Amino acid sequence: MDIDLVFLPTADLLINQVFATPIVYQARGNGTYDPETGEVTGTATYYAINAGVLSRTRVEEGGVGEVYELMLWVEHKTLTVLPKTGDTVAYDGTTWVVVEVAPTYSSKGLIASKLKVRG
């Protein structure tokens, strides 16, 4: 069985057609330091893509603080970068920060990534 022939189209179908939820993924670039001002400025690349949102839960942070957490899948035909912690996802009027990335690979390359984001 060719895993790529089975799972790449399956990931594309599920994420882009069955559970298609529009998001904007912001991939942070490397920052540059300006010694005159002491400021670090970064670059960002934005990707308007679909994601398969799995769940939304409330997470206690201690005391009275609470945040929400999303679990979602993204495929890498449209998101051409490897997600990393610190990137952000704009979804449902909220900016969510990527806190965990679990990529799924075949022998030939990246198929999809499961992301945990907090907002």
C-alpha atoms as a PDB file:
ATOM      1  CA  MET A   1       0.000   0.000   0.000  1.00  0.00           C
ATOM      2  CA  ASP A   2       1.308   3.439  -0.941  1.00  0.00           C
ATOM      3  CA  ILE A   3       0.693   5.587   2.143  1.00  0.00           C
ATOM      4  CA  ASP A   4       0.991   8.841   0.201  1.00  0.00           C
ATOM      5  CA  LEU A   5      -1.634   7.782  -2.344  1.00  0.00           C
ATOM      6  CA  VAL A   6      -4.046   6.966   0.500  1.00  0.00           C
ATOM      7  CA  PHE A   7      -3.431   9.565   3.191  1.00  0.00           C
ATOM      8  CA  LEU A   8      -2.531  12.744   1.273  1.00  0.00           C
ATOM      9  CA  PRO A   9      -5.899  12.791  -0.564  1.00  0.00           C
ATOM     10  CA  THR A  10      -7.684  11.748   2.646  1.00  0.00           C
ATOM     11  CA  ALA A  11      -6.125  14.617   4.629  1.00  0.00           C
ATOM     12  CA  ASP A  12      -6.991  17.040   1.829  1.00  0.00           C
ATOM     13  CA  LEU A  13     -10.592  15.786   1.626  1.00  0.00           C
ATOM     14  CA  LEU A  14     -11.240  15.873   5.379  1.00  0.00           C
ATOM     15  CA  ILE A  15      -9.564  19.217   6.068  1.00  0.00           C
ATOM     16  CA  ASN A  16     -10.582  21.146   2.939  1.00  0.00           C
ATOM     17  CA  GLN A  17     -14.035  19.733   2.231  1.00  0.00           C
ATOM     18  CA  VAL A  18     -15.603  17.739   5.065  1.00  0.00           C
ATOM     19  CA  PHE A  19     -14.490  19.755   8.126  1.00  0.00           C
ATOM     20  CA  ALA A  20     -13.357  22.890   6.305  1.00  0.00           C
ATOM     21  CA  THR A  21     -13.050  25.771   8.750  1.00  0.00           C
ATOM     22  CA  PRO A  22     -11.393  28.941   7.413  1.00  0.00           C
ATOM     23  CA  ILE A  23      -8.451  30.204   9.465  1.00  0.00           C
ATOM     24  CA  VAL A  24      -5.508  32.518   8.901  1.00  0.00           C
ATOM     25  CA  TYR A  25      -2.216  30.940   9.901  1.00  0.00           C
ATOM     26  CA  GLN A  26       0.587  33.396  10.716  1.00  0.00           C
ATOM     27  CA  ALA A  27       4.073  31.923  10.458  1.00  0.00           C
ATOM     28  CA  ARG A  28       6.638  33.991  12.338  1.00  0.00           C
ATOM     29  CA  GLY A  29       9.877  34.716  10.557  1.00  0.00           C
ATOM     30  CA  ASN A  30      13.246  35.380  12.099  1.00  0.00           C
ATOM     31  CA  GLY A  31      13.424  38.712  13.879  1.00  0.00           C
ATOM     32  CA  THR A  32      16.023  41.389  13.314  1.00  0.00           C
ATOM     33  CA  TYR A  33      17.595  43.461  16.062  1.00  0.00           C
ATOM     34  CA  ASP A  34      18.052  47.227  15.713  1.00  0.00           C
ATOM     35  CA  PRO A  35      20.919  48.202  18.053  1.00  0.00           C
ATOM     36  CA  GLU A  36      19.999  51.907  17.918  1.00  0.00           C
ATOM     37  CA  THR A  37      16.481  51.416  19.277  1.00  0.00           C
ATOM     38  CA  GLY A  38      16.882  48.084  21.021  1.00  0.00           C
ATOM     39  CA  GLU A  39      13.800  46.820  19.165  1.00  0.00           C
ATOM     40  CA  VAL A  40      13.412  43.378  17.689  1.00  0.00           C
ATOM     41  CA  THR A  41      11.150  43.325  14.662  1.00  0.00           C
ATOM     42  CA  GLY A  42       9.932  40.126  13.114  1.00  0.00           C
ATOM     43  CA  THR A  43       8.479  39.220   9.807  1.00  0.00           C
ATOM     44  CA  ALA A  44       5.347  37.192   9.303  1.00  0.00           C
ATOM     45  CA  THR A  45       3.794  35.271   6.448  1.00  0.00           C
ATOM     46  CA  TYR A  46       0.023  34.819   6.389  1.00  0.00           C
ATOM     47  CA  TYR A  47      -1.767  31.786   4.961  1.00  0.00           C
ATOM     48  CA  ALA A  48      -5.550  31.819   4.468  1.00  0.00           C
ATOM     49  CA  ILE A  49      -6.237  28.091   4.728  1.00  0.00           C
ATOM     50  CA  ASN A  50      -8.773  25.585   5.994  1.00  0.00           C
ATOM     51  CA  ALA A  51      -8.367  23.557   9.165  1.00  0.00           C
ATOM     52  CA  GLY A  52     -10.224  20.668  10.695  1.00  0.00           C
ATOM     53  CA  VAL A  53     -11.136  21.855  14.197  1.00  0.00           C
ATOM     54  CA  LEU A  54     -11.354  18.851  16.535  1.00  0.00           C
ATOM     55  CA  SER A  55     -12.228  20.380  19.886  1.00  0.00           C
ATOM     56  CA  ARG A  56     -12.414  23.504  22.009  1.00  0.00           C
ATOM     57  CA  THR A  57     -11.830  23.208  25.757  1.00  0.00           C
ATOM     58  CA  ARG A  58     -11.381  25.497  28.737  1.00  0.00           C
ATOM     59  CA  VAL A  59      -7.994  25.296  30.450  1.00  0.00           C
ATOM     60  CA  GLU A  60      -7.331  26.479  34.012  1.00  0.00           C
ATOM     61  CA  GLU A  61      -4.209  28.586  34.417  1.00  0.00           C
ATOM     62  CA  GLY A  62      -4.394  28.951  38.174  1.00  0.00           C
ATOM     63  CA  GLY A  63      -6.275  31.520  40.208  1.00  0.00           C
ATOM     64  CA  VAL A  64      -9.090  33.159  38.332  1.00  0.00           C
ATOM     65  CA  GLY A  65      -7.349  33.053  34.960  1.00  0.00           C
ATOM     66  CA  GLU A  66      -8.580  30.727  32.275  1.00  0.00           C
ATOM     67  CA  VAL A  67      -7.893  30.288  28.612  1.00  0.00           C
ATOM     68  CA  TYR A  68      -9.382  28.204  25.853  1.00  0.00           C
ATOM     69  CA  GLU A  69      -7.572  25.600  23.848  1.00  0.00           C
ATOM     70  CA  LEU A  70      -8.266  24.316  20.329  1.00  0.00           C
ATOM     71  CA  MET A  71      -7.063  21.131  18.718  1.00  0.00           C
ATOM     72  CA  LEU A  72      -6.992  21.312  14.924  1.00  0.00           C
ATOM     73  CA  TRP A  73      -5.529  19.642  11.852  1.00  0.00           C
ATOM     74  CA  VAL A  74      -3.874  21.444   8.945  1.00  0.00           C
ATOM     75  CA  GLU A  75      -2.678  19.837   5.725  1.00  0.00           C
ATOM     76  CA  HIS A  76       0.497  20.846   3.945  1.00  0.00           C
ATOM     77  CA  LYS A  77      -0.614  21.225   0.376  1.00  0.00           C
ATOM     78  CA  THR A  78      -1.827  24.765   1.168  1.00  0.00           C
ATOM     79  CA  LEU A  79       0.196  25.413   4.330  1.00  0.00           C
ATOM     80  CA  THR A  80       3.656  25.072   2.848  1.00  0.00           C
ATOM     81  CA  VAL A  81       5.622  25.712   6.051  1.00  0.00           C
ATOM     82  CA  LEU A  82       6.139  23.471   9.038  1.00  0.00           C
ATOM     83  CA  PRO A  83       4.135  24.944  11.926  1.00  0.00           C
ATOM     84  CA  LYS A  84       6.071  25.888  15.042  1.00  0.00           C
ATOM     85  CA  THR A  85       5.243  27.021  18.535  1.00  0.00           C
ATOM     86  CA  GLY A  86       4.754  30.760  18.801  1.00  0.00           C
ATOM     87  CA  ASP A  87       3.016  31.021  15.423  1.00  0.00           C
ATOM     88  CA  THR A  88      -0.585  32.205  15.572  1.00  0.00           C
ATOM     89  CA  VAL A  89      -3.961  31.190  14.179  1.00  0.00           C
ATOM     90  CA  ALA A  90      -6.822  33.637  13.634  1.00  0.00           C
ATOM     91  CA  TYR A  91     -10.113  31.801  14.166  1.00  0.00           C
ATOM     92  CA  ASP A  92     -13.572  32.834  15.370  1.00  0.00           C
ATOM     93  CA  GLY A  93     -12.496  36.430  16.089  1.00  0.00           C
ATOM     94  CA  THR A  94      -9.642  35.328  18.363  1.00  0.00           C
ATOM     95  CA  THR A  95      -5.895  35.061  17.875  1.00  0.00           C
ATOM     96  CA  TRP A  96      -4.677  31.690  19.122  1.00  0.00           C
ATOM     97  CA  VAL A  97      -1.010  30.911  19.844  1.00  0.00           C
ATOM     98  CA  VAL A  98       0.415  27.564  18.731  1.00  0.00           C
ATOM     99  CA  VAL A  99       1.681  25.745  21.837  1.00  0.00           C
ATOM    100  CA  GLU A 100       2.162  22.235  20.458  1.00  0.00           C
ATOM    101  CA  VAL A 101       2.766  20.729  17.004  1.00  0.00           C
ATOM    102  CA  ALA A 102       2.417  17.036  16.130  1.00  0.00           C
ATOM    103  CA  PRO A 103       3.353  16.520  12.454  1.00  0.00           C
ATOM    104  CA  THR A 104       2.374  13.341  10.605  1.00  0.00           C
ATOM    105  CA  TYR A 105       4.887  12.112   8.047  1.00  0.00           C
ATOM    106  CA  SER A 106       5.036   9.400   5.447  1.00  0.00           C
ATOM    107  CA  SER A 107       8.309   8.094   4.072  1.00  0.00           C
ATOM    108  CA  LYS A 108       8.125  10.764   1.353  1.00  0.00           C
ATOM    109  CA  GLY A 109       7.226  13.811   3.393  1.00  0.00           C
ATOM    110  CA  LEU A 110       4.812  15.730   5.542  1.00  0.00           C
ATOM    111  CA  ILE A 111       1.096  14.842   5.310  1.00  0.00           C
ATOM    112  CA  ALA A 112      -0.632  16.963   7.982  1.00  0.00           C
ATOM    113  CA  SER A 113      -0.037  18.485  11.418  1.00  0.00           C
ATOM    114  CA  LYS A 114      -2.181  18.390  14.521  1.00  0.00           C
ATOM    115  CA  LEU A 115      -1.923  21.703  16.390  1.00  0.00           C
ATOM    116  CA  LYS A 116      -2.779  22.671  19.942  1.00  0.00           C
ATOM    117  CA  VAL A 117      -3.441  26.404  20.166  1.00  0.00           C
ATOM    118  CA  ARG A 118      -4.424  28.637  23.090  1.00  0.00           C
ATOM    119  CA  GLY A 119      -6.297  31.893  23.101  1.00  0.00           C
END
